[in-house]
PDB file of N, CA and C in Angstrom:
ATOM      1  N   MET A   1     -54.515 -50.371 -42.432  1.00  0.00           N
ATOM      2  CA  MET A   1     -53.595 -50.959 -41.643  1.00  0.00           C
ATOM      3  C   MET A   1     -53.647 -50.698 -40.473  1.00  0.00           C
ATOM      4  N   ILE A   2     -54.382 -51.717 -39.480  1.00  0.00           N
ATOM      5  CA  ILE A   2     -54.637 -51.382 -37.994  1.00  0.00           C
ATOM      6  C   ILE A   2     -53.618 -52.193 -36.966  1.00  0.00           C
ATOM      7  N   VAL A   3     -53.522 -51.209 -35.582  1.00  0.00           N
ATOM      8  CA  VAL A   3     -52.629 -51.837 -34.683  1.00  0.00           C
ATOM      9  C   VAL A   3     -53.559 -52.279 -33.517  1.00  0.00           C
ATOM     10  N   ILE A   4     -53.558 -53.688 -33.413  1.00  0.00           N
ATOM     11  CA  ILE A   4     -54.135 -54.158 -31.767  1.00  0.00           C
ATOM     12  C   ILE A   4     -53.203 -53.842 -30.772  1.00  0.00           C
ATOM     13  N   GLY A   5     -53.198 -53.462 -29.756  1.00  0.00           N
ATOM     14  CA  GLY A   5     -52.944 -53.172 -28.743  1.00  0.00           C
ATOM     15  C   GLY A   5     -53.525 -54.626 -27.837  1.00  0.00           C
ATOM     16  N   ILE A   6     -52.959 -54.942 -27.278  1.00  0.00           N
ATOM     17  CA  ILE A   6     -53.137 -56.231 -26.211  1.00  0.00           C
ATOM     18  C   ILE A   6     -52.853 -55.852 -24.606  1.00  0.00           C
ATOM     19  N   ASP A   7     -53.551 -56.118 -23.951  1.00  0.00           N
ATOM     20  CA  ASP A   7     -53.341 -55.285 -22.286  1.00  0.00           C
ATOM     21  C   ASP A   7     -53.288 -56.620 -21.690  1.00  0.00           C
ATOM     22  N   PRO A   8     -52.384 -57.595 -21.141  1.00  0.00           N
ATOM     23  CA  PRO A   8     -52.732 -59.032 -20.840  1.00  0.00           C
ATOM     24  C   PRO A   8     -53.185 -59.111 -19.241  1.00  0.00           C
ATOM     25  N   HIS A   9     -54.066 -60.130 -18.677  1.00  0.00           N
ATOM     26  CA  HIS A   9     -53.976 -60.265 -17.573  1.00  0.00           C
ATOM     27  C   HIS A   9     -54.110 -61.481 -17.045  1.00  0.00           C
ATOM     28  N   MET A  10     -54.137 -61.754 -15.773  1.00  0.00           N
ATOM     29  CA  MET A  10     -53.943 -63.247 -15.404  1.00  0.00           C
ATOM     30  C   MET A  10     -55.528 -64.180 -15.741  1.00  0.00           C
ATOM     31  N   LYS A  11     -56.449 -63.519 -15.788  1.00  0.00           N
ATOM     32  CA  LYS A  11     -57.647 -64.150 -16.395  1.00  0.00           C
ATOM     33  C   LYS A  11     -58.549 -63.518 -17.588  1.00  0.00           C
ATOM     34  N   THR A  12     -57.908 -62.402 -18.195  1.00  0.00           N
ATOM     35  CA  THR A  12     -58.385 -62.146 -19.445  1.00  0.00           C
ATOM     36  C   THR A  12     -57.252 -60.945 -19.971  1.00  0.00           C
ATOM     37  N   HIS A  13     -57.489 -61.157 -21.278  1.00  0.00           N
ATOM     38  CA  HIS A  13     -56.743 -60.489 -22.307  1.00  0.00           C
ATOM     39  C   HIS A  13     -57.612 -58.904 -22.824  1.00  0.00           C
ATOM     40  N   THR A  14     -57.339 -58.213 -23.006  1.00  0.00           N
ATOM     41  CA  THR A  14     -58.358 -56.791 -23.664  1.00  0.00           C
ATOM     42  C   THR A  14     -57.487 -56.313 -24.532  1.00  0.00           C
ATOM     43  N   ALA A  15     -58.202 -56.321 -25.698  1.00  0.00           N
ATOM     44  CA  ALA A  15     -57.150 -56.382 -27.283  1.00  0.00           C
ATOM     45  C   ALA A  15     -57.961 -54.914 -27.698  1.00  0.00           C
ATOM     46  N   VAL A  16     -57.652 -53.560 -28.221  1.00  0.00           N
ATOM     47  CA  VAL A  16     -58.052 -52.537 -28.697  1.00  0.00           C
ATOM     48  C   VAL A  16     -57.487 -52.285 -30.154  1.00  0.00           C
ATOM     49  N   ALA A  17     -58.682 -52.255 -31.013  1.00  0.00           N
ATOM     50  CA  ALA A  17     -57.543 -52.003 -32.194  1.00  0.00           C
ATOM     51  C   ALA A  17     -57.918 -50.550 -33.007  1.00  0.00           C
ATOM     52  N   LEU A  18     -57.077 -50.108 -33.268  1.00  0.00           N
ATOM     53  CA  LEU A  18     -57.061 -48.788 -34.102  1.00  0.00           C
ATOM     54  C   LEU A  18     -56.325 -48.497 -35.337  1.00  0.00           C
ATOM     55  N   ASP A  19     -57.214 -47.486 -35.901  1.00  0.00           N
ATOM     56  CA  ASP A  19     -57.106 -47.030 -37.558  1.00  0.00           C
ATOM     57  C   ASP A  19     -55.144 -46.692 -37.219  1.00  0.00           C
ATOM     58  N   ALA A  20     -54.317 -47.203 -37.992  1.00  0.00           N
ATOM     59  CA  ALA A  20     -52.646 -46.766 -37.741  1.00  0.00           C
ATOM     60  C   ALA A  20     -52.624 -45.197 -38.066  1.00  0.00           C
ATOM     61  N   ALA A  21     -53.423 -44.840 -39.202  1.00  0.00           N
ATOM     62  CA  ALA A  21     -53.113 -43.689 -39.989  1.00  0.00           C
ATOM     63  C   ALA A  21     -53.778 -42.516 -39.045  1.00  0.00           C
ATOM     64  N   THR A  22     -55.067 -42.818 -38.217  1.00  0.00           N
ATOM     65  CA  THR A  22     -55.943 -41.566 -37.689  1.00  0.00           C
ATOM     66  C   THR A  22     -55.911 -41.999 -36.219  1.00  0.00           C
ATOM     67  N   GLY A  23     -55.783 -42.643 -35.760  1.00  0.00           N
ATOM     68  CA  GLY A  23     -56.131 -43.508 -34.303  1.00  0.00           C
ATOM     69  C   GLY A  23     -57.184 -43.417 -34.019  1.00  0.00           C
ATOM     70  N   ARG A  24     -57.858 -43.774 -34.948  1.00  0.00           N
ATOM     71  CA  ARG A  24     -59.615 -43.683 -34.634  1.00  0.00           C
ATOM     72  C   ARG A  24     -59.666 -45.259 -33.889  1.00  0.00           C
ATOM     73  N   SER A  25     -60.655 -45.462 -32.737  1.00  0.00           N
ATOM     74  CA  SER A  25     -60.945 -46.866 -32.520  1.00  0.00           C
ATOM     75  C   SER A  25     -61.701 -47.283 -33.637  1.00  0.00           C
ATOM     76  N   ILE A  26     -61.250 -48.807 -33.725  1.00  0.00           N
ATOM     77  CA  ILE A  26     -61.986 -49.490 -34.397  1.00  0.00           C
ATOM     78  C   ILE A  26     -62.777 -50.375 -33.973  1.00  0.00           C
ATOM     79  N   GLY A  27     -62.218 -51.396 -32.826  1.00  0.00           N
ATOM     80  CA  GLY A  27     -63.168 -52.118 -31.892  1.00  0.00           C
ATOM     81  C   GLY A  27     -62.155 -52.512 -30.625  1.00  0.00           C
ATOM     82  N   GLU A  28     -62.806 -53.224 -29.496  1.00  0.00           N
ATOM     83  CA  GLU A  28     -62.664 -53.864 -28.661  1.00  0.00           C
ATOM     84  C   GLU A  28     -63.062 -54.879 -28.258  1.00  0.00           C
ATOM     85  N   LYS A  29     -61.955 -55.794 -27.667  1.00  0.00           N
ATOM     86  CA  LYS A  29     -62.511 -57.307 -27.140  1.00  0.00           C
ATOM     87  C   LYS A  29     -61.863 -57.677 -26.014  1.00  0.00           C
ATOM     88  N   THR A  30     -62.755 -58.238 -25.357  1.00  0.00           N
ATOM     89  CA  THR A  30     -62.007 -58.781 -23.944  1.00  0.00           C
ATOM     90  C   THR A  30     -62.315 -60.270 -23.766  1.00  0.00           C
ATOM     91  N   VAL A  31     -61.021 -61.248 -23.871  1.00  0.00           N
ATOM     92  CA  VAL A  31     -61.193 -62.982 -23.658  1.00  0.00           C
ATOM     93  C   VAL A  31     -60.986 -63.573 -22.676  1.00  0.00           C
ATOM     94  N   SER A  32     -60.886 -64.379 -22.634  1.00  0.00           N
ATOM     95  CA  SER A  32     -60.275 -65.136 -21.629  1.00  0.00           C
ATOM     96  C   SER A  32     -58.961 -65.891 -21.834  1.00  0.00           C
ATOM     97  N   CYS A  33     -58.143 -66.227 -20.709  1.00  0.00           N
ATOM     98  CA  CYS A  33     -56.742 -66.289 -20.958  1.00  0.00           C
ATOM     99  C   CYS A  33     -56.550 -67.430 -20.951  1.00  0.00           C
ATOM    100  N   THR A  34     -57.227 -68.043 -21.927  1.00  0.00           N
ATOM    101  CA  THR A  34     -57.317 -69.543 -22.644  1.00  0.00           C
ATOM    102  C   THR A  34     -56.644 -69.856 -23.873  1.00  0.00           C
ATOM    103  N   GLU A  35     -56.661 -71.306 -24.255  1.00  0.00           N
ATOM    104  CA  GLU A  35     -56.798 -71.382 -26.050  1.00  0.00           C
ATOM    105  C   GLU A  35     -57.888 -70.931 -26.551  1.00  0.00           C
ATOM    106  N   THR A  36     -58.839 -71.304 -25.829  1.00  0.00           N
ATOM    107  CA  THR A  36     -59.834 -70.627 -26.558  1.00  0.00           C
ATOM    108  C   THR A  36     -60.343 -69.606 -26.637  1.00  0.00           C
ATOM    109  N   GLY A  37     -59.862 -68.745 -25.658  1.00  0.00           N
ATOM    110  CA  GLY A  37     -59.876 -67.372 -25.770  1.00  0.00           C
ATOM    111  C   GLY A  37     -58.947 -66.540 -26.739  1.00  0.00           C
ATOM    112  N   HIS A  38     -57.609 -67.281 -26.766  1.00  0.00           N
ATOM    113  CA  HIS A  38     -56.752 -66.648 -27.797  1.00  0.00           C
ATOM    114  C   HIS A  38     -57.356 -66.678 -28.966  1.00  0.00           C
ATOM    115  N   GLU A  39     -57.742 -67.707 -29.216  1.00  0.00           N
ATOM    116  CA  GLU A  39     -58.384 -68.364 -30.749  1.00  0.00           C
ATOM    117  C   GLU A  39     -59.386 -67.431 -31.004  1.00  0.00           C
ATOM    118  N   GLU A  40     -60.295 -67.015 -30.325  1.00  0.00           N
ATOM    119  CA  GLU A  40     -61.274 -66.196 -30.306  1.00  0.00           C
ATOM    120  C   GLU A  40     -61.191 -64.603 -30.503  1.00  0.00           C
ATOM    121  N   LEU A  41     -59.634 -64.596 -29.842  1.00  0.00           N
ATOM    122  CA  LEU A  41     -59.062 -63.220 -29.904  1.00  0.00           C
ATOM    123  C   LEU A  41     -58.471 -62.986 -31.533  1.00  0.00           C
ATOM    124  N   LEU A  42     -57.449 -64.083 -31.899  1.00  0.00           N
ATOM    125  CA  LEU A  42     -57.185 -64.030 -33.091  1.00  0.00           C
ATOM    126  C   LEU A  42     -58.135 -64.147 -34.358  1.00  0.00           C
ATOM    127  N   CYS A  43     -59.546 -64.662 -34.282  1.00  0.00           N
ATOM    128  CA  CYS A  43     -60.036 -64.543 -35.066  1.00  0.00           C
ATOM    129  C   CYS A  43     -60.811 -63.657 -35.155  1.00  0.00           C
ATOM    130  N   TRP A  44     -61.327 -62.878 -34.488  1.00  0.00           N
ATOM    131  CA  TRP A  44     -61.615 -61.073 -34.430  1.00  0.00           C
ATOM    132  C   TRP A  44     -60.956 -60.510 -35.046  1.00  0.00           C
ATOM    133  N   ALA A  45     -59.245 -60.701 -34.707  1.00  0.00           N
ATOM    134  CA  ALA A  45     -58.569 -59.578 -35.319  1.00  0.00           C
ATOM    135  C   ALA A  45     -58.372 -60.096 -37.196  1.00  0.00           C
ATOM    136  N   ARG A  46     -58.832 -61.036 -37.344  1.00  0.00           N
ATOM    137  CA  ARG A  46     -58.726 -61.622 -38.720  1.00  0.00           C
ATOM    138  C   ARG A  46     -60.044 -60.518 -39.556  1.00  0.00           C
ATOM    139  N   ARG A  47     -60.958 -60.630 -38.472  1.00  0.00           N
ATOM    140  CA  ARG A  47     -62.243 -59.917 -39.554  1.00  0.00           C
ATOM    141  C   ARG A  47     -62.351 -58.645 -39.855  1.00  0.00           C
ATOM    142  N   LEU A  48     -61.428 -57.990 -38.781  1.00  0.00           N
ATOM    143  CA  LEU A  48     -61.060 -56.595 -38.998  1.00  0.00           C
ATOM    144  C   LEU A  48     -60.235 -55.535 -40.035  1.00  0.00           C
ATOM    145  N   ASP A  49     -59.499 -56.866 -40.263  1.00  0.00           N
ATOM    146  CA  ASP A  49     -58.347 -55.825 -41.378  1.00  0.00           C
ATOM    147  C   ASP A  49     -57.406 -57.147 -41.727  1.00  0.00           C
ATOM    148  N   PRO A  50     -56.718 -57.249 -43.026  1.00  0.00           N
ATOM    149  CA  PRO A  50     -55.754 -58.180 -43.279  1.00  0.00           C
ATOM    150  C   PRO A  50     -54.486 -57.766 -43.192  1.00  0.00           C
ATOM    151  N   ASP A  51     -54.715 -56.428 -42.936  1.00  0.00           N
ATOM    152  CA  ASP A  51     -53.247 -55.638 -43.069  1.00  0.00           C
ATOM    153  C   ASP A  51     -52.819 -55.304 -41.567  1.00  0.00           C
ATOM    154  N   ARG A  52     -52.717 -55.966 -40.066  1.00  0.00           N
ATOM    155  CA  ARG A  52     -52.645 -55.531 -38.732  1.00  0.00           C
ATOM    156  C   ARG A  52     -51.281 -55.862 -38.535  1.00  0.00           C
ATOM    157  N   ALA A  53     -51.026 -55.048 -37.151  1.00  0.00           N
ATOM    158  CA  ALA A  53     -49.937 -55.336 -36.436  1.00  0.00           C
ATOM    159  C   ALA A  53     -50.412 -55.478 -34.766  1.00  0.00           C
ATOM    160  N   PHE A  54     -49.660 -56.165 -34.139  1.00  0.00           N
ATOM    161  CA  PHE A  54     -50.092 -56.276 -32.640  1.00  0.00           C
ATOM    162  C   PHE A  54     -48.876 -55.482 -32.037  1.00  0.00           C
ATOM    163  N   ALA A  55     -49.197 -55.178 -30.823  1.00  0.00           N
ATOM    164  CA  ALA A  55     -48.507 -54.593 -29.344  1.00  0.00           C
ATOM    165  C   ALA A  55     -48.952 -55.096 -28.339  1.00  0.00           C
ATOM    166  N   ILE A  56     -48.053 -55.956 -27.613  1.00  0.00           N
ATOM    167  CA  ILE A  56     -48.153 -56.539 -26.314  1.00  0.00           C
ATOM    168  C   ILE A  56     -47.589 -56.077 -25.403  1.00  0.00           C
ATOM    169  N   GLU A  57     -48.549 -55.449 -24.132  1.00  0.00           N
ATOM    170  CA  GLU A  57     -47.768 -54.858 -23.563  1.00  0.00           C
ATOM    171  C   GLU A  57     -46.517 -56.545 -22.748  1.00  0.00           C
ATOM    172  N   ASP A  58     -45.705 -55.900 -22.105  1.00  0.00           N
ATOM    173  CA  ASP A  58     -44.459 -56.981 -22.085  1.00  0.00           C
ATOM    174  C   ASP A  58     -44.697 -57.536 -20.489  1.00  0.00           C
ATOM    175  N   CYS A  59     -45.808 -57.960 -20.060  1.00  0.00           N
ATOM    176  CA  CYS A  59     -45.829 -59.074 -18.776  1.00  0.00           C
ATOM    177  C   CYS A  59     -45.706 -60.522 -19.097  1.00  0.00           C
ATOM    178  N   ARG A  60     -44.199 -61.211 -19.214  1.00  0.00           N
ATOM    179  CA  ARG A  60     -44.657 -62.383 -19.659  1.00  0.00           C
ATOM    180  C   ARG A  60     -45.002 -63.755 -18.955  1.00  0.00           C
ATOM    181  N   HIS A  61     -45.203 -63.323 -17.726  1.00  0.00           N
ATOM    182  CA  HIS A  61     -45.694 -64.079 -16.712  1.00  0.00           C
ATOM    183  C   HIS A  61     -47.240 -64.543 -16.979  1.00  0.00           C
ATOM    184  N   VAL A  62     -48.145 -63.343 -17.851  1.00  0.00           N
ATOM    185  CA  VAL A  62     -49.162 -63.672 -18.061  1.00  0.00           C
ATOM    186  C   VAL A  62     -49.427 -63.239 -19.514  1.00  0.00           C
ATOM    187  N   SER A  63     -48.171 -62.688 -20.288  1.00  0.00           N
ATOM    188  CA  SER A  63     -48.653 -62.464 -21.883  1.00  0.00           C
ATOM    189  C   SER A  63     -47.641 -63.709 -22.442  1.00  0.00           C
ATOM    190  N   GLY A  64     -46.944 -64.482 -22.682  1.00  0.00           N
ATOM    191  CA  GLY A  64     -46.143 -65.567 -22.811  1.00  0.00           C
ATOM    192  C   GLY A  64     -46.897 -66.582 -23.729  1.00  0.00           C
ATOM    193  N   ARG A  65     -48.364 -66.702 -23.491  1.00  0.00           N
ATOM    194  CA  ARG A  65     -48.723 -67.502 -24.302  1.00  0.00           C
ATOM    195  C   ARG A  65     -49.388 -67.140 -25.092  1.00  0.00           C
ATOM    196  N   LEU A  66     -49.405 -65.719 -25.439  1.00  0.00           N
ATOM    197  CA  LEU A  66     -50.313 -64.778 -26.411  1.00  0.00           C
ATOM    198  C   LEU A  66     -49.165 -65.346 -27.934  1.00  0.00           C
TER     199      LEU A  66
END
């Protein structure tokens, strides 16, 4: 299982994937804060591991669309 933490900002969102058991970094991705960027982020996460959880920083004014 992996955990993907997302740091949302006004123009970009940065995601970091970690192995849940070891905390080892698996990957990082920054995408634009658009529908296309969100789809790109989801495709990236799906390729990493089918068993995943997301942790999104609570910034409703910039993370609401996620």
